[in-house]
C-alpha atoms as a PDB file:
ATOM      1  CA  UNK A   1     -23.129  -3.883   6.177  1.00  0.00           C
ATOM      2  CA  UNK A   2     -24.768  -6.229   3.272  1.00  0.00           C
ATOM      3  CA  UNK A   3     -24.512  -9.518   5.115  1.00  0.00           C
ATOM      4  CA  UNK A   4     -25.054  -8.148   8.726  1.00  0.00           C
ATOM      5  CA  UNK A   5     -22.070  -9.210  10.192  1.00  0.00           C
ATOM      6  CA  UNK A   6     -18.779  -7.335  11.605  1.00  0.00           C
ATOM      7  CA  UNK A   7     -16.314  -5.525   9.970  1.00  0.00           C
ATOM      8  CA  UNK A   8     -13.750  -7.743  10.018  1.00  0.00           C
ATOM      9  CA  UNK A   9     -15.817 -11.054   9.178  1.00  0.00           C
ATOM     10  CA  UNK A  10     -16.524  -9.335   6.298  1.00  0.00           C
ATOM     11  CA  UNK A  11     -13.257  -8.803   4.931  1.00  0.00           C
ATOM     12  CA  UNK A  12     -12.354 -12.250   5.662  1.00  0.00           C
ATOM     13  CA  UNK A  13     -15.310 -13.366   3.781  1.00  0.00           C
ATOM     14  CA  UNK A  14     -14.316 -11.658   0.840  1.00  0.00           C
ATOM     15  CA  UNK A  15     -11.045 -13.107   0.958  1.00  0.00           C
ATOM     16  CA  UNK A  16     -12.295 -16.405   1.030  1.00  0.00           C
ATOM     17  CA  UNK A  17     -14.620 -15.754  -1.855  1.00  0.00           C
ATOM     18  CA  UNK A  18     -11.833 -14.985  -3.621  1.00  0.00           C
ATOM     19  CA  UNK A  19      -9.906 -17.793  -2.852  1.00  0.00           C
ATOM     20  CA  UNK A  20     -12.659 -20.169  -3.787  1.00  0.00           C
ATOM     21  CA  UNK A  21     -13.555 -18.287  -7.098  1.00  0.00           C
ATOM     22  CA  UNK A  22      -9.311 -18.180  -7.972  1.00  0.00           C
ATOM     23  CA  UNK A  23      -9.241 -22.058  -7.210  1.00  0.00           C
ATOM     24  CA  UNK A  24     -12.322 -22.700  -8.707  1.00  0.00           C
ATOM     25  CA  UNK A  25     -11.167 -20.635 -12.171  1.00  0.00           C
ATOM     26  CA  UNK A  26      -8.204 -22.417 -12.208  1.00  0.00           C
ATOM     27  CA  UNK A  27      -9.337 -26.020 -11.925  1.00  0.00           C
ATOM     28  CA  UNK A  28     -12.287 -25.201 -14.816  1.00  0.00           C
ATOM     29  CA  UNK A  29      -9.480 -23.577 -17.177  1.00  0.00           C
ATOM     30  CA  UNK A  30      -7.821 -26.926 -16.805  1.00  0.00           C
ATOM     31  CA  UNK A  31     -10.554 -28.906 -17.757  1.00  0.00           C
ATOM     32  CA  UNK A  32      -9.700 -27.470 -21.162  1.00  0.00           C
ATOM     33  CA  UNK A  33      -6.452 -29.571 -21.785  1.00  0.00           C
ATOM     34  CA  UNK A  34      -7.774 -32.473 -19.881  1.00  0.00           C
ATOM     35  CA  UNK A  35     -11.447 -32.495 -22.261  1.00  0.00           C
ATOM     36  CA  UNK A  36      -8.912 -31.516 -25.250  1.00  0.00           C
ATOM     37  CA  UNK A  37     -11.267 -28.462 -26.607  1.00  0.00           C
ATOM     38  CA  UNK A  38      -9.706 -26.573 -29.144  1.00  0.00           C
ATOM     39  CA  UNK A  39      -7.782 -23.669 -27.361  1.00  0.00           C
ATOM     40  CA  UNK A  40      -7.815 -25.341 -24.396  1.00  0.00           C
ATOM     41  CA  UNK A  41      -4.130 -24.537 -23.844  1.00  0.00           C
ATOM     42  CA  UNK A  42      -5.168 -20.860 -24.359  1.00  0.00           C
ATOM     43  CA  UNK A  43      -8.009 -20.882 -22.103  1.00  0.00           C
ATOM     44  CA  UNK A  44      -5.826 -22.699 -19.489  1.00  0.00           C
ATOM     45  CA  UNK A  45      -2.940 -19.984 -19.532  1.00  0.00           C
ATOM     46  CA  UNK A  46      -5.901 -17.229 -19.019  1.00  0.00           C
ATOM     47  CA  UNK A  47      -7.827 -18.936 -16.105  1.00  0.00           C
ATOM     48  CA  UNK A  48      -4.079 -19.402 -14.489  1.00  0.00           C
ATOM     49  CA  UNK A  49      -3.259 -16.260 -14.748  1.00  0.00           C
ATOM     50  CA  UNK A  50      -6.764 -14.945 -13.724  1.00  0.00           C
ATOM     51  CA  UNK A  51      -6.994 -17.459 -10.857  1.00  0.00           C
ATOM     52  CA  UNK A  52      -3.504 -16.190  -9.847  1.00  0.00           C
ATOM     53  CA  UNK A  53      -4.591 -12.785  -9.709  1.00  0.00           C
ATOM     54  CA  UNK A  54      -7.569 -13.555  -7.235  1.00  0.00           C
ATOM     55  CA  UNK A  55      -5.531 -15.820  -5.085  1.00  0.00           C
ATOM     56  CA  UNK A  56      -3.170 -12.880  -4.528  1.00  0.00           C
ATOM     57  CA  UNK A  57      -5.985 -10.377  -4.089  1.00  0.00           C
ATOM     58  CA  UNK A  58      -7.373 -12.718  -1.392  1.00  0.00           C
ATOM     59  CA  UNK A  59      -3.629 -12.947   0.496  1.00  0.00           C
ATOM     60  CA  UNK A  60      -3.732  -9.119   0.280  1.00  0.00           C
ATOM     61  CA  UNK A  61      -7.178  -8.809   1.899  1.00  0.00           C
ATOM     62  CA  UNK A  62      -6.391 -11.448   4.350  1.00  0.00           C
ATOM     63  CA  UNK A  63      -3.614  -9.471   5.041  1.00  0.00           C
ATOM     64  CA  UNK A  64      -5.826  -6.217   5.623  1.00  0.00           C
ATOM     65  CA  UNK A  65      -8.209  -7.913   7.698  1.00  0.00           C
ATOM     66  CA  UNK A  66      -5.290  -8.910  10.260  1.00  0.00           C
ATOM     67  CA  UNK A  67      -3.578  -5.608  10.194  1.00  0.00           C
ATOM     68  CA  UNK A  68      -7.104  -4.366  11.032  1.00  0.00           C
ATOM     69  CA  UNK A  69      -7.782  -6.814  13.823  1.00  0.00           C
ATOM     70  CA  UNK A  70      -4.478  -6.134  15.707  1.00  0.00           C
ATOM     71  CA  UNK A  71      -5.643  -2.122  16.012  1.00  0.00           C
ATOM     72  CA  UNK A  72      -9.436  -2.900  16.362  1.00  0.00           C
ATOM     73  CA  UNK A  73     -11.194  -1.857  19.557  1.00  0.00           C
ATOM     74  CA  UNK A  74     -11.758  -4.654  22.196  1.00  0.00           C
ATOM     75  CA  UNK A  75     -14.654  -4.125  24.321  1.00  0.00           C
ATOM     76  CA  UNK A  76     -17.467  -6.595  26.085  1.00  0.00           C
ATOM     77  CA  UNK A  77     -20.864  -6.820  23.961  1.00  0.00           C
ATOM     78  CA  UNK A  78     -23.571  -5.745  26.141  1.00  0.00           C
ATOM     79  CA  UNK A  79     -25.990  -8.667  24.911  1.00  0.00           C
ATOM     80  CA  UNK A  80     -23.979 -11.513  24.811  1.00  0.00           C
ATOM     81  CA  UNK A  81     -21.110 -10.598  27.296  1.00  0.00           C
ATOM     82  CA  UNK A  82     -18.210 -11.847  24.873  1.00  0.00           C
ATOM     83  CA  UNK A  83     -15.272 -10.194  23.982  1.00  0.00           C
ATOM     84  CA  UNK A  84     -15.475  -8.714  20.620  1.00  0.00           C
ATOM     85  CA  UNK A  85     -13.621  -6.247  18.219  1.00  0.00           C
ATOM     86  CA  UNK A  86     -14.982  -2.964  16.844  1.00  0.00           C
ATOM     87  CA  UNK A  87     -13.802  -1.110  13.936  1.00  0.00           C
ATOM     88  CA  UNK A  88     -14.721   2.641  13.464  1.00  0.00           C
ATOM     89  CA  UNK A  89     -17.651   4.595  15.127  1.00  0.00           C
ATOM     90  CA  UNK A  90     -19.838   1.864  14.780  1.00  0.00           C
ATOM     91  CA  UNK A  91     -19.992  -2.124  14.198  1.00  0.00           C
ATOM     92  CA  UNK A  92     -21.670  -5.500  14.714  1.00  0.00           C
ATOM     93  CA  UNK A  93     -20.789  -7.877  17.721  1.00  0.00           C
ATOM     94  CA  UNK A  94     -18.457 -10.905  15.968  1.00  0.00           C
ATOM     95  CA  UNK A  95     -20.926 -13.431  17.784  1.00  0.00           C
ATOM     96  CA  UNK A  96     -24.423 -12.326  18.184  1.00  0.00           C
ATOM     97  CA  UNK A  97     -24.762  -9.253  15.377  1.00  0.00           C
ATOM     98  CA  UNK A  98     -25.775  -6.539  17.697  1.00  0.00           C
ATOM     99  CA  UNK A  99     -25.185  -3.015  16.614  1.00  0.00           C
ATOM    100  CA  UNK A 100     -22.236  -1.589  18.764  1.00  0.00           C
ATOM    101  CA  UNK A 101     -21.320   2.214  18.233  1.00  0.00           C
ATOM    102  CA  UNK A 102     -18.722   4.447  20.526  1.00  0.00           C
ATOM    103  CA  UNK A 103     -20.550   7.483  19.544  1.00  0.00           C
ATOM    104  CA  UNK A 104     -22.920   8.987  22.075  1.00  0.00           C
ATOM    105  CA  UNK A 105     -24.785  10.615  19.571  1.00  0.00           C
ATOM    106  CA  UNK A 106     -25.458   7.614  17.833  1.00  0.00           C
ATOM    107  CA  UNK A 107     -25.874   5.372  20.953  1.00  0.00           C
ATOM    108  CA  UNK A 108     -29.642   4.367  21.949  1.00  0.00           C
ATOM    109  CA  UNK A 109     -31.169   4.218  25.360  1.00  0.00           C
ATOM    110  CA  UNK A 110     -28.484   2.440  28.036  1.00  0.00           C
ATOM    111  CA  UNK A 111     -28.420  -0.707  28.350  1.00  0.00           C
ATOM    112  CA  UNK A 112     -30.806  -2.335  31.172  1.00  0.00           C
ATOM    113  CA  UNK A 113     -30.269  -5.345  32.809  1.00  0.00           C
ATOM    114  CA  UNK A 114     -33.604  -7.133  32.962  1.00  0.00           C
ATOM    115  CA  UNK A 115     -32.918 -10.294  33.770  1.00  0.00           C
ATOM    116  CA  UNK A 116     -34.828 -12.734  36.109  1.00  0.00           C
ATOM    117  CA  UNK A 117     -31.531 -12.345  38.839  1.00  0.00           C
ATOM    118  CA  UNK A 118     -31.749  -8.525  38.467  1.00  0.00           C
ATOM    119  CA  UNK A 119     -34.974  -8.212  39.306  1.00  0.00           C
ATOM    120  CA  UNK A 120     -34.866 -10.618  41.898  1.00  0.00           C
ATOM    121  CA  UNK A 121     -32.224  -8.355  43.565  1.00  0.00           C
ATOM    122  CA  UNK A 122     -34.409  -5.323  42.824  1.00  0.00           C
ATOM    123  CA  UNK A 123     -37.551  -6.821  43.965  1.00  0.00           C
ATOM    124  CA  UNK A 124     -39.193  -5.682  40.887  1.00  0.00           C
ATOM    125  CA  UNK A 125     -38.757  -3.706  37.986  1.00  0.00           C
ATOM    126  CA  UNK A 126     -38.527  -0.115  38.454  1.00  0.00           C
ATOM    127  CA  UNK A 127     -38.066  -0.753  42.212  1.00  0.00           C
ATOM    128  CA  UNK A 128     -35.517   1.182  44.703  1.00  0.00           C
ATOM    129  CA  UNK A 129     -33.090  -1.764  46.637  1.00  0.00           C
ATOM    130  CA  UNK A 130     -35.456  -0.781  49.552  1.00  0.00           C
ATOM    131  CA  UNK A 131     -38.578  -1.888  48.227  1.00  0.00           C
ATOM    132  CA  UNK A 132     -40.265   1.707  47.432  1.00  0.00           C
ATOM    133  CA  UNK A 133     -41.425   2.775  43.992  1.00  0.00           C
ATOM    134  CA  UNK A 134     -39.265   5.455  42.142  1.00  0.00           C
END
């Protein structure tokens, strides 16, 4: 992934990009009429058609991302603890960008809780609950 974000957020980003580009192209095309350039009406017509195609493309991408979002696997991120959606075998958390996977072949070591609360509950890292070392 290019932007290092979740797949659903990347689809939404491309939809937003197409929306802004389409609207910008249509506004710039109308400048041909406003400033009375030679052939301004032709430039405006072409830019309106291309801008509308870009807006329809962004609508299709938003619809597709919404449909993917409804069938995405919901899971809790081991880093931030928030609910996130996952597409495919690997994806990133929507909030903290941690790489997540459901494939055991791609998984690294299991998540170990080394926060202060866990260390206090166990005494020290690597210690058994009764205080003896493992």
